[in-house]
């Protein structure tokens, strides 16, 4: 089975809207199980974003810091892919605004894509492709440019065969 790499918004939106910890503990247990089975992970820059919130999601991430959940991005292949992706993002031919470049390179998205490219992983994100986006560099837009597969959380649940039921 291919390995999936989760964007920060997967965790954040799950906590806020779809799978709050108090109502859907099974979702969070499933995430941990799939990580332990080497099916999914995220990266340290996403860990940094999650732990900045000072909330239950921050605590969840902190509890998993050294568990293998959050992969490093320092290896040569990821660094090389980051350079390629960053150069693409700031290329005037892409027509992104300067603020879009700055934001994209300051958050974990660019590193997530670099890691996925370096290790042939599938990105899981709630972002949607938008060919007209100029104010923000969207993960699906970069994935399309670099032929990287991306899916959303529901598709991840389907692909892993998870089912959540009443207790």
N, C-alpha and C. Protein backbone atom coordinates (compact mmCIF):
# COMPACT_ATOMS: atom_id res chain seq x y z
N UNK A 1 0.84 -1.19 0.00
CA UNK A 1 0.00 0.00 0.00
C UNK A 1 0.88 1.24 0.00
N UNK A 2 0.48 2.23 -0.76
CA UNK A 2 1.20 3.50 -0.80
C UNK A 2 1.07 4.20 0.55
N UNK A 3 2.00 5.08 0.82
CA UNK A 3 1.98 5.85 2.05
C UNK A 3 1.41 7.23 1.77
N UNK A 4 0.66 7.74 2.74
CA UNK A 4 -0.02 9.02 2.63
C UNK A 4 0.62 10.03 3.57
N UNK A 5 0.70 11.27 3.12
CA UNK A 5 1.30 12.36 3.88
C UNK A 5 0.23 13.41 4.13
N UNK A 6 -0.07 13.69 5.40
CA UNK A 6 -1.19 14.55 5.76
C UNK A 6 -0.81 16.01 5.93
N UNK A 7 -1.61 16.87 5.32
CA UNK A 7 -1.50 18.32 5.44
C UNK A 7 -2.06 18.75 6.79
N UNK A 8 -1.65 19.90 7.27
CA UNK A 8 -2.15 20.42 8.55
C UNK A 8 -3.67 20.56 8.55
N UNK A 9 -4.26 20.94 7.42
CA UNK A 9 -5.70 21.16 7.41
C UNK A 9 -6.50 19.88 7.64
N UNK A 10 -5.91 18.72 7.38
CA UNK A 10 -6.59 17.46 7.67
C UNK A 10 -6.84 17.36 9.18
N UNK A 11 -5.82 17.64 9.96
CA UNK A 11 -5.94 17.60 11.41
C UNK A 11 -6.82 18.73 11.95
N UNK A 12 -6.59 19.93 11.45
CA UNK A 12 -7.29 21.12 11.96
C UNK A 12 -8.78 21.03 11.67
N UNK A 13 -9.15 20.71 10.43
CA UNK A 13 -10.57 20.63 10.10
C UNK A 13 -11.24 19.45 10.79
N UNK A 14 -10.51 18.36 10.96
CA UNK A 14 -11.07 17.22 11.70
C UNK A 14 -11.42 17.65 13.12
N UNK A 15 -10.49 18.34 13.77
CA UNK A 15 -10.72 18.79 15.15
C UNK A 15 -11.87 19.79 15.22
N UNK A 16 -11.91 20.75 14.32
CA UNK A 16 -12.90 21.82 14.39
C UNK A 16 -14.28 21.43 13.91
N UNK A 17 -14.36 20.64 12.82
CA UNK A 17 -15.64 20.45 12.16
C UNK A 17 -16.11 19.01 12.06
N UNK A 18 -15.27 18.12 11.55
CA UNK A 18 -15.74 16.81 11.15
C UNK A 18 -15.61 15.72 12.21
N UNK A 19 -14.48 15.70 12.92
CA UNK A 19 -14.20 14.61 13.85
C UNK A 19 -13.64 15.14 15.17
N UNK A 20 -14.40 15.97 15.90
CA UNK A 20 -13.88 16.49 17.16
C UNK A 20 -13.50 15.34 18.11
N UNK A 21 -12.46 15.57 18.88
CA UNK A 21 -11.92 14.54 19.77
C UNK A 21 -12.98 13.94 20.68
N UNK A 22 -13.87 14.76 21.21
CA UNK A 22 -14.84 14.27 22.20
C UNK A 22 -15.97 13.44 21.59
N UNK A 23 -16.25 13.64 20.30
CA UNK A 23 -17.36 12.94 19.65
C UNK A 23 -16.86 11.77 18.79
N UNK A 24 -15.68 11.91 18.20
CA UNK A 24 -15.16 10.91 17.28
C UNK A 24 -13.77 10.42 17.69
N UNK A 25 -13.63 9.86 18.89
CA UNK A 25 -12.31 9.36 19.28
C UNK A 25 -11.81 8.26 18.35
N UNK A 26 -12.72 7.54 17.72
CA UNK A 26 -12.34 6.48 16.80
C UNK A 26 -11.57 6.98 15.60
N UNK A 27 -11.86 8.18 15.15
CA UNK A 27 -11.12 8.76 14.03
C UNK A 27 -9.66 8.94 14.40
N UNK A 28 -9.42 9.48 15.58
CA UNK A 28 -8.06 9.75 16.03
C UNK A 28 -7.31 8.45 16.33
N UNK A 29 -8.04 7.47 16.85
CA UNK A 29 -7.43 6.14 17.07
C UNK A 29 -7.07 5.50 15.73
N UNK A 30 -7.93 5.67 14.74
CA UNK A 30 -7.66 5.14 13.40
C UNK A 30 -6.40 5.80 12.81
N UNK A 31 -6.28 7.12 12.96
CA UNK A 31 -5.08 7.80 12.48
C UNK A 31 -3.82 7.18 13.10
N UNK A 32 -3.85 7.01 14.41
CA UNK A 32 -2.68 6.42 15.09
C UNK A 32 -2.40 5.01 14.59
N UNK A 33 -3.44 4.21 14.41
CA UNK A 33 -3.26 2.84 13.94
C UNK A 33 -2.64 2.81 12.55
N UNK A 34 -3.13 3.66 11.68
CA UNK A 34 -2.60 3.70 10.32
C UNK A 34 -1.16 4.22 10.29
N UNK A 35 -0.83 5.13 11.19
CA UNK A 35 0.56 5.59 11.29
C UNK A 35 1.45 4.44 11.77
N UNK A 36 1.00 3.72 12.78
CA UNK A 36 1.77 2.58 13.30
C UNK A 36 1.95 1.50 12.24
N UNK A 37 0.99 1.38 11.32
CA UNK A 37 1.08 0.42 10.21
C UNK A 37 1.86 0.98 9.03
N UNK A 38 2.47 2.15 9.21
CA UNK A 38 3.29 2.81 8.19
C UNK A 38 2.49 3.17 6.95
N UNK A 39 1.22 3.53 7.14
CA UNK A 39 0.36 3.92 6.03
C UNK A 39 0.29 5.43 5.91
N UNK A 40 0.38 6.14 7.04
CA UNK A 40 0.34 7.59 6.98
C UNK A 40 1.28 8.24 7.96
N UNK A 41 1.56 9.50 7.65
CA UNK A 41 2.46 10.31 8.46
C UNK A 41 2.25 11.76 8.07
N UNK A 42 3.01 12.62 8.69
CA UNK A 42 3.09 14.01 8.28
C UNK A 42 4.56 14.40 8.41
N UNK A 43 4.83 15.68 8.46
CA UNK A 43 6.21 16.14 8.51
C UNK A 43 6.41 17.12 9.66
N UNK A 44 7.64 17.32 10.05
CA UNK A 44 7.94 18.21 11.17
C UNK A 44 7.42 19.63 10.96
N UNK A 45 7.53 20.24 9.77
CA UNK A 45 6.93 21.57 9.61
C UNK A 45 5.42 21.60 9.88
N UNK A 46 4.72 20.52 9.60
CA UNK A 46 3.28 20.46 9.94
C UNK A 46 3.13 20.33 11.45
N UNK A 47 3.98 19.54 12.09
CA UNK A 47 3.99 19.45 13.55
C UNK A 47 4.12 20.85 14.15
N UNK A 48 5.03 21.64 13.62
CA UNK A 48 5.24 23.00 14.13
C UNK A 48 3.97 23.84 14.00
N UNK A 49 3.26 23.70 12.90
CA UNK A 49 1.99 24.43 12.72
C UNK A 49 0.95 23.97 13.73
N UNK A 50 0.85 22.65 13.93
CA UNK A 50 -0.17 22.11 14.84
C UNK A 50 0.09 22.49 16.28
N UNK A 51 1.35 22.51 16.69
CA UNK A 51 1.66 22.79 18.09
C UNK A 51 1.61 24.27 18.43
N UNK A 52 1.49 25.12 17.44
CA UNK A 52 1.41 26.56 17.68
C UNK A 52 0.05 26.98 18.23
N UNK A 53 -0.95 26.11 18.12
CA UNK A 53 -2.31 26.47 18.49
C UNK A 53 -2.61 26.50 19.97
N UNK A 54 -1.84 25.80 20.78
CA UNK A 54 -2.09 25.79 22.22
C UNK A 54 -3.44 25.21 22.60
N UNK A 55 -3.89 24.19 21.89
CA UNK A 55 -5.21 23.60 22.15
C UNK A 55 -5.08 22.08 22.24
N UNK A 56 -6.22 21.39 22.19
CA UNK A 56 -6.22 19.93 22.29
C UNK A 56 -5.46 19.28 21.13
N UNK A 57 -5.54 19.88 19.94
CA UNK A 57 -4.79 19.35 18.80
C UNK A 57 -3.29 19.53 19.02
N UNK A 58 -2.89 20.64 19.59
CA UNK A 58 -1.48 20.84 19.93
C UNK A 58 -1.00 19.77 20.89
N UNK A 59 -1.80 19.49 21.90
CA UNK A 59 -1.45 18.45 22.88
C UNK A 59 -1.35 17.08 22.19
N UNK A 60 -2.29 16.80 21.29
CA UNK A 60 -2.28 15.54 20.56
C UNK A 60 -0.97 15.40 19.78
N UNK A 61 -0.60 16.46 19.07
CA UNK A 61 0.64 16.43 18.28
C UNK A 61 1.87 16.31 19.18
N UNK A 62 1.91 17.07 20.26
CA UNK A 62 3.06 17.03 21.17
C UNK A 62 3.24 15.61 21.73
N UNK A 63 2.14 14.96 22.06
CA UNK A 63 2.20 13.58 22.57
C UNK A 63 2.79 12.61 21.54
N UNK A 64 2.81 12.99 20.28
CA UNK A 64 3.28 12.11 19.21
C UNK A 64 4.58 12.58 18.57
N UNK A 65 5.21 13.56 19.16
CA UNK A 65 6.40 14.17 18.56
C UNK A 65 7.45 13.15 18.16
N UNK A 66 7.79 12.24 19.03
CA UNK A 66 8.86 11.29 18.76
C UNK A 66 8.35 9.89 18.42
N UNK A 67 7.12 9.80 17.96
CA UNK A 67 6.49 8.50 17.70
C UNK A 67 6.68 8.01 16.26
N UNK A 68 7.20 8.84 15.40
CA UNK A 68 7.28 8.50 13.99
C UNK A 68 6.20 9.17 13.16
N UNK A 69 5.30 9.87 13.83
CA UNK A 69 4.22 10.55 13.13
C UNK A 69 4.75 11.63 12.20
N UNK A 70 5.75 12.38 12.66
CA UNK A 70 6.21 13.56 11.93
C UNK A 70 7.62 13.34 11.40
N UNK A 71 7.71 13.21 10.09
CA UNK A 71 8.96 12.87 9.42
C UNK A 71 9.84 14.10 9.22
N UNK A 72 11.14 13.90 9.24
CA UNK A 72 12.06 15.03 8.99
C UNK A 72 12.06 15.42 7.52
N UNK A 73 12.55 16.61 7.25
CA UNK A 73 12.64 17.10 5.87
C UNK A 73 14.08 17.51 5.52
N UNK A 74 15.02 17.11 6.35
CA UNK A 74 16.41 17.53 6.16
C UNK A 74 17.19 16.70 5.15
N UNK A 75 16.67 15.54 4.75
CA UNK A 75 17.44 14.66 3.87
C UNK A 75 17.64 15.33 2.49
N UNK A 76 18.71 14.94 1.83
CA UNK A 76 19.15 15.58 0.59
C UNK A 76 18.07 15.58 -0.48
N UNK A 77 17.39 14.46 -0.67
CA UNK A 77 16.38 14.37 -1.73
C UNK A 77 15.23 15.35 -1.49
N UNK A 78 14.75 15.44 -0.25
CA UNK A 78 13.67 16.38 0.06
C UNK A 78 14.14 17.81 -0.13
N UNK A 79 15.35 18.12 0.32
CA UNK A 79 15.90 19.46 0.16
C UNK A 79 16.00 19.84 -1.32
N UNK A 80 16.45 18.89 -2.13
CA UNK A 80 16.54 19.15 -3.56
C UNK A 80 15.19 19.39 -4.20
N UNK A 81 14.19 18.60 -3.81
CA UNK A 81 12.84 18.78 -4.34
C UNK A 81 12.25 20.11 -3.88
N UNK A 82 12.57 20.49 -2.64
CA UNK A 82 12.09 21.79 -2.13
C UNK A 82 12.61 22.92 -3.01
N UNK A 83 13.88 22.86 -3.38
CA UNK A 83 14.47 23.90 -4.24
C UNK A 83 13.74 23.99 -5.58
N UNK A 84 13.44 22.85 -6.16
CA UNK A 84 12.73 22.81 -7.44
C UNK A 84 11.33 23.41 -7.30
N UNK A 85 10.63 23.02 -6.24
CA UNK A 85 9.26 23.50 -6.01
C UNK A 85 9.25 24.99 -5.71
N UNK A 86 10.19 25.44 -4.90
CA UNK A 86 10.27 26.86 -4.57
C UNK A 86 10.56 27.69 -5.82
N UNK A 87 11.45 27.21 -6.66
CA UNK A 87 11.77 27.93 -7.90
C UNK A 87 10.54 28.00 -8.80
N UNK A 88 9.78 26.90 -8.89
CA UNK A 88 8.55 26.91 -9.68
C UNK A 88 7.55 27.92 -9.13
N UNK A 89 7.40 27.95 -7.81
CA UNK A 89 6.40 28.82 -7.18
C UNK A 89 6.70 30.30 -7.41
N UNK A 90 7.96 30.67 -7.40
CA UNK A 90 8.31 32.09 -7.55
C UNK A 90 8.57 32.49 -9.01
N UNK A 91 8.52 31.54 -9.92
CA UNK A 91 8.72 31.83 -11.34
C UNK A 91 7.60 32.77 -11.81
N UNK A 92 7.96 33.91 -12.40
CA UNK A 92 6.93 34.85 -12.88
C UNK A 92 5.92 34.22 -13.85
N UNK A 93 6.31 33.16 -14.53
CA UNK A 93 5.40 32.50 -15.47
C UNK A 93 4.18 31.91 -14.75
N UNK A 94 4.31 31.63 -13.46
CA UNK A 94 3.19 31.07 -12.69
C UNK A 94 2.17 32.14 -12.30
N UNK A 95 2.59 33.40 -12.32
CA UNK A 95 1.70 34.55 -12.10
C UNK A 95 1.12 34.62 -10.68
N UNK A 96 1.82 34.04 -9.70
CA UNK A 96 1.37 34.16 -8.32
C UNK A 96 1.81 35.51 -7.77
N UNK A 97 1.02 36.07 -6.89
CA UNK A 97 1.37 37.33 -6.24
C UNK A 97 2.52 37.11 -5.27
N UNK A 98 3.26 38.17 -4.98
CA UNK A 98 4.40 38.08 -4.06
C UNK A 98 3.97 37.55 -2.69
N UNK A 99 2.82 37.98 -2.21
CA UNK A 99 2.34 37.50 -0.91
C UNK A 99 2.07 36.00 -0.94
N UNK A 100 1.66 35.48 -2.10
CA UNK A 100 1.43 34.04 -2.24
C UNK A 100 2.76 33.30 -2.12
N UNK A 101 3.81 33.81 -2.75
CA UNK A 101 5.14 33.19 -2.64
C UNK A 101 5.57 33.14 -1.18
N UNK A 102 5.45 34.28 -0.53
CA UNK A 102 5.92 34.38 0.86
C UNK A 102 5.19 33.41 1.77
N UNK A 103 3.87 33.35 1.64
CA UNK A 103 3.08 32.45 2.48
C UNK A 103 3.43 30.99 2.19
N UNK A 104 3.47 30.63 0.93
CA UNK A 104 3.73 29.24 0.54
C UNK A 104 5.07 28.76 1.06
N UNK A 105 6.08 29.60 1.00
CA UNK A 105 7.41 29.21 1.43
C UNK A 105 7.58 29.30 2.95
N UNK A 106 6.65 29.96 3.63
CA UNK A 106 6.74 30.11 5.08
C UNK A 106 6.01 29.02 5.86
N UNK A 107 5.10 28.31 5.21
CA UNK A 107 4.32 27.27 5.89
C UNK A 107 4.77 25.89 5.44
N UNK A 108 4.17 24.88 6.01
CA UNK A 108 4.58 23.51 5.73
C UNK A 108 4.20 22.97 4.37
N UNK A 109 3.32 23.65 3.64
CA UNK A 109 2.84 23.14 2.35
C UNK A 109 3.97 22.82 1.39
N UNK A 110 4.92 23.74 1.24
CA UNK A 110 6.01 23.53 0.29
C UNK A 110 6.86 22.33 0.70
N UNK A 111 7.08 22.16 2.00
CA UNK A 111 7.85 21.01 2.49
C UNK A 111 7.08 19.71 2.33
N UNK A 112 5.77 19.77 2.54
CA UNK A 112 4.92 18.59 2.36
C UNK A 112 5.03 18.07 0.92
N UNK A 113 4.96 18.98 -0.03
CA UNK A 113 5.05 18.61 -1.43
C UNK A 113 6.45 18.08 -1.75
N UNK A 114 7.47 18.73 -1.21
CA UNK A 114 8.85 18.26 -1.44
C UNK A 114 9.04 16.85 -0.90
N UNK A 115 8.55 16.59 0.30
CA UNK A 115 8.67 15.25 0.90
C UNK A 115 7.91 14.21 0.07
N UNK A 116 6.70 14.57 -0.35
CA UNK A 116 5.90 13.65 -1.16
C UNK A 116 6.59 13.33 -2.47
N UNK A 117 7.18 14.34 -3.07
CA UNK A 117 7.90 14.14 -4.33
C UNK A 117 9.13 13.27 -4.12
N UNK A 118 9.89 13.56 -3.08
CA UNK A 118 11.13 12.83 -2.80
C UNK A 118 10.88 11.35 -2.51
N UNK A 119 9.75 11.04 -1.85
CA UNK A 119 9.51 9.67 -1.42
C UNK A 119 8.32 9.00 -2.12
N UNK A 120 7.79 9.67 -3.14
CA UNK A 120 6.67 9.12 -3.91
C UNK A 120 5.48 8.80 -3.02
N UNK A 121 5.05 9.80 -2.25
CA UNK A 121 3.93 9.65 -1.32
C UNK A 121 2.71 10.39 -1.87
N UNK A 122 1.54 10.04 -1.37
CA UNK A 122 0.28 10.68 -1.76
C UNK A 122 -0.07 11.71 -0.70
N UNK A 123 -0.37 12.92 -1.12
CA UNK A 123 -0.72 13.99 -0.18
C UNK A 123 -2.22 13.93 0.12
N UNK A 124 -2.55 14.12 1.39
CA UNK A 124 -3.95 14.22 1.82
C UNK A 124 -4.16 15.65 2.28
N UNK A 125 -5.09 16.34 1.64
CA UNK A 125 -5.38 17.74 1.94
C UNK A 125 -6.85 18.03 1.66
N UNK A 126 -7.35 19.08 2.28
CA UNK A 126 -8.72 19.52 1.99
C UNK A 126 -8.74 20.62 0.93
N UNK A 127 -7.57 21.07 0.52
CA UNK A 127 -7.52 22.10 -0.52
C UNK A 127 -8.01 21.51 -1.84
N UNK A 128 -8.56 22.38 -2.67
CA UNK A 128 -9.08 21.99 -3.98
C UNK A 128 -8.30 22.72 -5.07
N UNK A 129 -8.14 22.06 -6.19
CA UNK A 129 -7.45 22.65 -7.33
C UNK A 129 -8.23 23.86 -7.83
N UNK A 130 -7.51 24.94 -8.13
CA UNK A 130 -8.11 26.14 -8.68
C UNK A 130 -7.10 26.78 -9.63
N UNK A 131 -7.28 26.57 -10.92
CA UNK A 131 -6.34 27.07 -11.92
C UNK A 131 -6.22 28.60 -11.91
N UNK A 132 -7.24 29.27 -11.39
CA UNK A 132 -7.24 30.73 -11.39
C UNK A 132 -6.60 31.35 -10.14
N UNK A 133 -6.20 30.55 -9.19
CA UNK A 133 -5.65 31.06 -7.94
C UNK A 133 -4.33 31.78 -8.19
N UNK A 134 -4.25 33.04 -7.77
CA UNK A 134 -3.02 33.82 -7.87
C UNK A 134 -2.62 34.40 -6.51
N UNK A 135 -3.59 34.53 -5.62
CA UNK A 135 -3.31 35.10 -4.30
C UNK A 135 -2.80 34.05 -3.31
N UNK A 136 -2.95 32.79 -3.68
CA UNK A 136 -2.53 31.69 -2.82
C UNK A 136 -2.05 30.53 -3.68
N UNK A 137 -0.95 29.93 -3.28
CA UNK A 137 -0.44 28.76 -4.00
C UNK A 137 -1.03 27.53 -3.31
N UNK A 138 -1.92 26.88 -4.00
CA UNK A 138 -2.65 25.74 -3.43
C UNK A 138 -1.88 24.44 -3.66
N UNK A 139 -1.92 23.57 -2.66
CA UNK A 139 -1.25 22.27 -2.77
C UNK A 139 -1.67 21.52 -4.04
N UNK A 140 -2.97 21.41 -4.35
CA UNK A 140 -3.35 20.68 -5.56
C UNK A 140 -2.79 21.29 -6.85
N UNK A 141 -2.64 22.61 -6.88
CA UNK A 141 -2.08 23.25 -8.07
C UNK A 141 -0.63 22.82 -8.27
N UNK A 142 0.14 22.78 -7.19
CA UNK A 142 1.53 22.36 -7.27
C UNK A 142 1.58 20.86 -7.60
N UNK A 143 0.72 20.09 -6.96
CA UNK A 143 0.69 18.65 -7.24
C UNK A 143 0.42 18.38 -8.71
N UNK A 144 -0.51 19.11 -9.27
CA UNK A 144 -0.82 18.92 -10.70
C UNK A 144 0.39 19.27 -11.56
N UNK A 145 1.08 20.34 -11.23
CA UNK A 145 2.25 20.76 -12.00
C UNK A 145 3.38 19.74 -11.93
N UNK A 146 3.48 19.03 -10.80
CA UNK A 146 4.57 18.07 -10.59
C UNK A 146 4.12 16.61 -10.65
N UNK A 147 2.85 16.41 -11.07
CA UNK A 147 2.31 15.06 -11.21
C UNK A 147 2.39 14.26 -9.90
N UNK A 148 1.95 14.88 -8.82
CA UNK A 148 1.90 14.26 -7.50
C UNK A 148 0.44 13.97 -7.18
N UNK A 149 0.16 12.77 -6.75
CA UNK A 149 -1.22 12.41 -6.42
C UNK A 149 -1.62 13.06 -5.10
N UNK A 150 -2.87 13.55 -5.05
CA UNK A 150 -3.43 14.09 -3.81
C UNK A 150 -4.89 13.67 -3.70
N UNK A 151 -5.34 13.51 -2.45
CA UNK A 151 -6.71 13.11 -2.16
C UNK A 151 -7.19 13.87 -0.93
N UNK A 152 -8.47 13.71 -0.58
CA UNK A 152 -8.97 14.31 0.66
C UNK A 152 -9.14 13.23 1.73
N UNK A 153 -9.56 13.63 2.92
CA UNK A 153 -9.67 12.72 4.04
C UNK A 153 -10.67 11.60 3.80
N UNK A 154 -11.80 11.91 3.21
CA UNK A 154 -12.81 10.87 2.97
C UNK A 154 -12.26 9.81 2.03
N UNK A 155 -11.53 10.23 1.01
CA UNK A 155 -10.93 9.25 0.09
C UNK A 155 -9.88 8.41 0.82
N UNK A 156 -9.14 9.02 1.73
CA UNK A 156 -8.17 8.27 2.53
C UNK A 156 -8.88 7.21 3.36
N UNK A 157 -9.98 7.59 3.98
CA UNK A 157 -10.75 6.64 4.78
C UNK A 157 -11.22 5.48 3.90
N UNK A 158 -11.71 5.80 2.72
CA UNK A 158 -12.16 4.74 1.79
C UNK A 158 -11.01 3.82 1.40
N UNK A 159 -9.89 4.41 1.04
CA UNK A 159 -8.76 3.61 0.56
C UNK A 159 -8.18 2.70 1.64
N UNK A 160 -8.26 3.12 2.88
CA UNK A 160 -7.73 2.29 3.96
C UNK A 160 -8.77 1.30 4.47
N UNK A 161 -10.01 1.43 4.00
CA UNK A 161 -11.05 0.49 4.40
C UNK A 161 -11.63 0.74 5.79
N UNK A 162 -11.35 1.90 6.36
CA UNK A 162 -11.87 2.22 7.70
C UNK A 162 -13.38 2.39 7.65
N UNK A 163 -14.03 2.01 8.73
CA UNK A 163 -15.47 2.21 8.92
C UNK A 163 -15.68 2.67 10.34
N UNK A 164 -16.47 3.71 10.49
CA UNK A 164 -16.76 4.23 11.83
C UNK A 164 -18.23 3.98 12.12
N UNK A 165 -18.50 3.31 13.23
CA UNK A 165 -19.88 2.98 13.59
C UNK A 165 -20.23 3.43 14.98
N UNK A 166 -21.46 3.23 15.35
CA UNK A 166 -21.93 3.58 16.69
C UNK A 166 -21.50 2.52 17.69
N UNK A 167 -21.30 2.97 18.90
CA UNK A 167 -20.95 2.04 19.99
C UNK A 167 -22.10 1.92 20.95
